[in-house]
Amino acid sequence: MRKMIIFLLVLMFAGVLVAQGTVDVEKEKAAIKEVLEKSRNALWGKKYDEYINCWKHESYSILTTVTKNSFWELEGWDSISVNLKEHMENNPDPQKPVAFRKNYVIKIWKNTAWAYFEDFVMKAAEKDSSYVPWRTYTVFEKTIEGWKIVSWITMDRYTWRKAE
């Protein structure tokens, strides 16, 4: 009987440990989408401190934008923060976001996540029925403060579409 009680206690303890290690995927996806919305609203609203709070400030952080006619890449948090601050100082007027996001795909591991989504620029989509949305790929790390962006790569796929 004693062996059975010990066995059941060990089994219960193991079950508790396994339960503690599970991840609520939908909750984590919602938290990641919240970071994406906060970063978008802060960027368009010219709220530097709010925007940088969405990022993990690391030497391996990267911000890249690619279009048919241009490419720019900021590597490392120091470069990202300096360029972002300069951009906001040169363009200080807050604006309403002109794009909406949809078609999210998010993959979550324990403390890392990968996501991509489409950014639809409303005016362009309204004017052109062949409009192709921007595509953004992001990598996140989970910190004690929550999910933070470490990589952001945006492609303007519309500029590569075939003209009719």
C-alpha atoms as a PDB file:
ATOM      1  CA  MET A   1       0.000   0.000   0.000  1.00  0.00           C
ATOM      2  CA  ARG A   2       2.811   2.360   0.909  1.00  0.00           C
ATOM      3  CA  LYS A   3       4.487   1.795  -2.463  1.00  0.00           C
ATOM      4  CA  MET A   4       1.229   2.531  -4.233  1.00  0.00           C
ATOM      5  CA  ILE A   5       0.781   5.823  -2.329  1.00  0.00           C
ATOM      6  CA  ILE A   6       4.346   6.870  -3.129  1.00  0.00           C
ATOM      7  CA  PHE A   7       3.800   5.915  -6.771  1.00  0.00           C
ATOM      8  CA  LEU A   8       0.596   7.979  -6.952  1.00  0.00           C
ATOM      9  CA  LEU A   9       2.282  10.973  -5.288  1.00  0.00           C
ATOM     10  CA  VAL A  10       5.166  10.815  -7.769  1.00  0.00           C
ATOM     11  CA  LEU A  11       2.683  10.526 -10.642  1.00  0.00           C
ATOM     12  CA  MET A  12       0.684  13.516  -9.376  1.00  0.00           C
ATOM     13  CA  PHE A  13       3.857  15.587  -8.918  1.00  0.00           C
ATOM     14  CA  ALA A  14       4.990  14.724 -12.453  1.00  0.00           C
ATOM     15  CA  GLY A  15       1.567  15.757 -13.763  1.00  0.00           C
ATOM     16  CA  VAL A  16       1.845  19.123 -12.017  1.00  0.00           C
ATOM     17  CA  LEU A  17       5.284  19.713 -13.543  1.00  0.00           C
ATOM     18  CA  VAL A  18       4.032  18.855 -17.026  1.00  0.00           C
ATOM     19  CA  ALA A  19       1.013  21.130 -16.600  1.00  0.00           C
ATOM     20  CA  GLN A  20       3.273  24.015 -15.583  1.00  0.00           C
ATOM     21  CA  GLY A  21       5.303  23.580 -18.768  1.00  0.00           C
ATOM     22  CA  THR A  22       2.385  23.868 -21.185  1.00  0.00           C
ATOM     23  CA  VAL A  23       1.816  27.031 -23.178  1.00  0.00           C
ATOM     24  CA  ASP A  24      -1.580  28.574 -23.847  1.00  0.00           C
ATOM     25  CA  VAL A  25      -0.941  29.152 -27.554  1.00  0.00           C
ATOM     26  CA  GLU A  26      -4.016  31.300 -28.185  1.00  0.00           C
ATOM     27  CA  LYS A  27      -3.182  33.534 -25.218  1.00  0.00           C
ATOM     28  CA  GLU A  28       0.395  33.960 -26.478  1.00  0.00           C
ATOM     29  CA  LYS A  29      -0.815  34.714 -30.024  1.00  0.00           C
ATOM     30  CA  ALA A  30      -3.125  37.400 -28.640  1.00  0.00           C
ATOM     31  CA  ALA A  31      -0.218  38.895 -26.662  1.00  0.00           C
ATOM     32  CA  ILE A  32       1.947  38.983 -29.804  1.00  0.00           C
ATOM     33  CA  LYS A  33      -0.820  40.666 -31.813  1.00  0.00           C
ATOM     34  CA  GLU A  34      -1.124  43.216 -29.011  1.00  0.00           C
ATOM     35  CA  VAL A  35       2.604  44.032 -29.309  1.00  0.00           C
ATOM     36  CA  LEU A  36       2.182  44.404 -33.076  1.00  0.00           C
ATOM     37  CA  GLU A  37      -0.747  46.796 -32.624  1.00  0.00           C
ATOM     38  CA  LYS A  38       1.064  48.803 -29.939  1.00  0.00           C
ATOM     39  CA  SER A  39       4.136  49.151 -32.151  1.00  0.00           C
ATOM     40  CA  ARG A  40       2.040  50.201 -35.167  1.00  0.00           C
ATOM     41  CA  ASN A  41       0.040  52.774 -33.211  1.00  0.00           C
ATOM     42  CA  ALA A  42       3.149  54.144 -31.488  1.00  0.00           C
ATOM     43  CA  LEU A  43       5.058  54.445 -34.771  1.00  0.00           C
ATOM     44  CA  TRP A  44       2.253  56.270 -36.572  1.00  0.00           C
ATOM     45  CA  GLY A  45       1.476  58.293 -33.441  1.00  0.00           C
ATOM     46  CA  LYS A  46       5.144  59.339 -33.129  1.00  0.00           C
ATOM     47  CA  LYS A  47       5.373  57.963 -29.588  1.00  0.00           C
ATOM     48  CA  TYR A  48       9.035  57.027 -29.414  1.00  0.00           C
ATOM     49  CA  ASP A  49       9.054  55.645 -25.856  1.00  0.00           C
ATOM     50  CA  GLU A  50       6.029  53.446 -26.509  1.00  0.00           C
ATOM     51  CA  TYR A  51       7.509  52.150 -29.752  1.00  0.00           C
ATOM     52  CA  ILE A  52      10.906  51.255 -28.319  1.00  0.00           C
ATOM     53  CA  ASN A  53       9.169  49.414 -25.473  1.00  0.00           C
ATOM     54  CA  CYS A  54       7.905  46.934 -28.084  1.00  0.00           C
ATOM     55  CA  TRP A  55      11.468  45.978 -29.044  1.00  0.00           C
ATOM     56  CA  LYS A  56      14.191  43.955 -27.361  1.00  0.00           C
ATOM     57  CA  HIS A  57      17.267  46.184 -27.362  1.00  0.00           C
ATOM     58  CA  GLU A  58      19.934  43.782 -28.610  1.00  0.00           C
ATOM     59  CA  SER A  59      22.914  43.898 -30.945  1.00  0.00           C
ATOM     60  CA  TYR A  60      21.201  41.221 -33.052  1.00  0.00           C
ATOM     61  CA  SER A  61      17.938  43.171 -33.489  1.00  0.00           C
ATOM     62  CA  ILE A  62      17.248  43.990 -37.122  1.00  0.00           C
ATOM     63  CA  LEU A  63      14.792  46.195 -39.024  1.00  0.00           C
ATOM     64  CA  THR A  64      14.587  45.806 -42.814  1.00  0.00           C
ATOM     65  CA  THR A  65      12.352  47.214 -45.548  1.00  0.00           C
ATOM     66  CA  VAL A  66      12.469  46.036 -49.160  1.00  0.00           C
ATOM     67  CA  THR A  67      10.694  47.453 -52.208  1.00  0.00           C
ATOM     68  CA  LYS A  68      11.393  47.037 -55.902  1.00  0.00           C
ATOM     69  CA  ASN A  69      13.343  50.302 -55.951  1.00  0.00           C
ATOM     70  CA  SER A  70      14.831  50.477 -52.472  1.00  0.00           C
ATOM     71  CA  PHE A  71      16.269  48.514 -49.608  1.00  0.00           C
ATOM     72  CA  TRP A  72      17.306  49.619 -46.165  1.00  0.00           C
ATOM     73  CA  GLU A  73      18.445  47.671 -43.180  1.00  0.00           C
ATOM     74  CA  LEU A  74      19.225  48.706 -39.640  1.00  0.00           C
ATOM     75  CA  GLU A  75      21.284  46.189 -37.733  1.00  0.00           C
ATOM     76  CA  GLY A  76      21.547  46.332 -33.957  1.00  0.00           C
ATOM     77  CA  TRP A  77      19.431  48.228 -31.473  1.00  0.00           C
ATOM     78  CA  ASP A  78      21.753  51.253 -31.411  1.00  0.00           C
ATOM     79  CA  SER A  79      21.250  51.788 -35.144  1.00  0.00           C
ATOM     80  CA  ILE A  80      17.496  51.162 -34.983  1.00  0.00           C
ATOM     81  CA  SER A  81      16.921  53.545 -32.075  1.00  0.00           C
ATOM     82  CA  VAL A  82      19.034  56.393 -33.522  1.00  0.00           C
ATOM     83  CA  ASN A  83      17.364  56.188 -36.945  1.00  0.00           C
ATOM     84  CA  LEU A  84      13.903  55.876 -35.445  1.00  0.00           C
ATOM     85  CA  LYS A  85      14.397  58.864 -33.162  1.00  0.00           C
ATOM     86  CA  GLU A  86      15.696  60.930 -36.094  1.00  0.00           C
ATOM     87  CA  HIS A  87      12.735  59.874 -38.246  1.00  0.00           C
ATOM     88  CA  MET A  88      10.244  60.884 -35.556  1.00  0.00           C
ATOM     89  CA  GLU A  89      11.997  64.220 -34.952  1.00  0.00           C
ATOM     90  CA  ASN A  90      11.964  64.976 -38.702  1.00  0.00           C
ATOM     91  CA  ASN A  91       8.310  63.889 -39.027  1.00  0.00           C
ATOM     92  CA  PRO A  92       6.778  64.892 -35.686  1.00  0.00           C
ATOM     93  CA  ASP A  93       3.097  65.070 -36.630  1.00  0.00           C
ATOM     94  CA  PRO A  94       1.103  62.051 -35.424  1.00  0.00           C
ATOM     95  CA  GLN A  95      -0.973  60.285 -38.055  1.00  0.00           C
ATOM     96  CA  LYS A  96      -3.666  57.664 -38.049  1.00  0.00           C
ATOM     97  CA  PRO A  97      -2.369  54.325 -39.337  1.00  0.00           C
ATOM     98  CA  VAL A  98      -3.105  54.021 -43.044  1.00  0.00           C
ATOM     99  CA  ALA A  99      -2.834  50.243 -43.135  1.00  0.00           C
ATOM    100  CA  PHE A 100      -4.679  47.368 -41.587  1.00  0.00           C
ATOM    101  CA  ARG A 101      -3.268  43.925 -40.891  1.00  0.00           C
ATOM    102  CA  LYS A 102      -4.727  40.542 -41.597  1.00  0.00           C
ATOM    103  CA  ASN A 103      -3.871  36.940 -42.444  1.00  0.00           C
ATOM    104  CA  TYR A 104      -1.665  36.440 -39.401  1.00  0.00           C
ATOM    105  CA  VAL A 105       0.410  33.275 -39.155  1.00  0.00           C
ATOM    106  CA  ILE A 106       2.102  32.843 -35.777  1.00  0.00           C
ATOM    107  CA  LYS A 107       4.291  29.963 -34.591  1.00  0.00           C
ATOM    108  CA  ILE A 108       5.241  29.882 -30.914  1.00  0.00           C
ATOM    109  CA  TRP A 109       7.994  27.996 -29.173  1.00  0.00           C
ATOM    110  CA  LYS A 110       8.751  28.343 -25.475  1.00  0.00           C
ATOM    111  CA  ASN A 111      10.359  31.825 -25.441  1.00  0.00           C
ATOM    112  CA  THR A 112      10.517  32.568 -29.158  1.00  0.00           C
ATOM    113  CA  ALA A 113       7.868  33.238 -31.755  1.00  0.00           C
ATOM    114  CA  TRP A 114       7.776  33.834 -35.479  1.00  0.00           C
ATOM    115  CA  ALA A 115       4.952  35.640 -37.225  1.00  0.00           C
ATOM    116  CA  TYR A 116       4.034  37.022 -40.576  1.00  0.00           C
ATOM    117  CA  PHE A 117       1.056  39.010 -41.734  1.00  0.00           C
ATOM    118  CA  GLU A 118      -0.147  41.245 -44.520  1.00  0.00           C
ATOM    119  CA  ASP A 119      -0.352  45.034 -44.297  1.00  0.00           C
ATOM    120  CA  PHE A 120      -3.026  46.496 -46.545  1.00  0.00           C
ATOM    121  CA  VAL A 121      -2.514  50.171 -47.358  1.00  0.00           C
ATOM    122  CA  MET A 122      -6.139  51.242 -47.549  1.00  0.00           C
ATOM    123  CA  LYS A 123      -5.883  53.988 -50.180  1.00  0.00           C
ATOM    124  CA  ALA A 124      -3.820  51.837 -52.535  1.00  0.00           C
ATOM    125  CA  ALA A 125      -6.142  48.849 -52.115  1.00  0.00           C
ATOM    126  CA  GLU A 126      -9.183  51.029 -52.831  1.00  0.00           C
ATOM    127  CA  LYS A 127      -7.655  52.488 -56.008  1.00  0.00           C
ATOM    128  CA  ASP A 128      -6.256  49.301 -57.547  1.00  0.00           C
ATOM    129  CA  SER A 129      -8.104  45.985 -57.732  1.00  0.00           C
ATOM    130  CA  SER A 130      -4.802  44.179 -58.403  1.00  0.00           C
ATOM    131  CA  TYR A 131      -3.253  45.559 -55.220  1.00  0.00           C
ATOM    132  CA  VAL A 132      -0.889  43.176 -53.436  1.00  0.00           C
ATOM    133  CA  PRO A 133      -0.397  43.858 -49.707  1.00  0.00           C
ATOM    134  CA  TRP A 134       2.905  44.375 -47.964  1.00  0.00           C
ATOM    135  CA  ARG A 135       4.185  41.268 -46.153  1.00  0.00           C
ATOM    136  CA  THR A 136       5.935  41.560 -42.800  1.00  0.00           C
ATOM    137  CA  TYR A 137       7.964  38.827 -41.097  1.00  0.00           C
ATOM    138  CA  THR A 138       8.775  39.193 -37.408  1.00  0.00           C
ATOM    139  CA  VAL A 139      10.666  37.304 -34.720  1.00  0.00           C
ATOM    140  CA  PHE A 140       9.873  37.778 -31.039  1.00  0.00           C
ATOM    141  CA  GLU A 141      11.545  36.830 -27.782  1.00  0.00           C
ATOM    142  CA  LYS A 142       9.655  36.489 -24.543  1.00  0.00           C
ATOM    143  CA  THR A 143      11.093  38.469 -21.638  1.00  0.00           C
ATOM    144  CA  ILE A 144       9.870  38.992 -18.086  1.00  0.00           C
ATOM    145  CA  GLU A 145       8.003  42.022 -19.494  1.00  0.00           C
ATOM    146  CA  GLY A 146       6.321  39.950 -22.222  1.00  0.00           C
ATOM    147  CA  TRP A 147       6.924  39.504 -25.942  1.00  0.00           C
ATOM    148  CA  LYS A 148       9.432  41.828 -27.629  1.00  0.00           C
ATOM    149  CA  ILE A 149      10.301  42.260 -31.306  1.00  0.00           C
ATOM    150  CA  VAL A 150      13.872  41.320 -32.289  1.00  0.00           C
ATOM    151  CA  SER A 151      13.512  41.172 -36.064  1.00  0.00           C
ATOM    152  CA  TRP A 152      11.214  43.018 -38.469  1.00  0.00           C
ATOM    153  CA  ILE A 153      11.394  42.491 -42.228  1.00  0.00           C
ATOM    154  CA  THR A 154       8.828  44.189 -44.472  1.00  0.00           C
ATOM    155  CA  MET A 155       8.446  43.657 -48.221  1.00  0.00           C
ATOM    156  CA  ASP A 156       6.386  45.817 -50.543  1.00  0.00           C
ATOM    157  CA  ARG A 157       5.174  43.034 -52.826  1.00  0.00           C
ATOM    158  CA  TYR A 158       2.906  45.455 -54.709  1.00  0.00           C
ATOM    159  CA  THR A 159       5.888  47.086 -56.435  1.00  0.00           C
ATOM    160  CA  TRP A 160       6.785  43.716 -57.988  1.00  0.00           C
ATOM    161  CA  ARG A 161       3.368  42.927 -59.410  1.00  0.00           C
ATOM    162  CA  LYS A 162       3.039  42.690 -63.161  1.00  0.00           C
ATOM    163  CA  ALA A 163       1.541  45.804 -64.698  1.00  0.00           C
ATOM    164  CA  GLU A 164      -1.490  45.144 -66.838  1.00  0.00           C
END
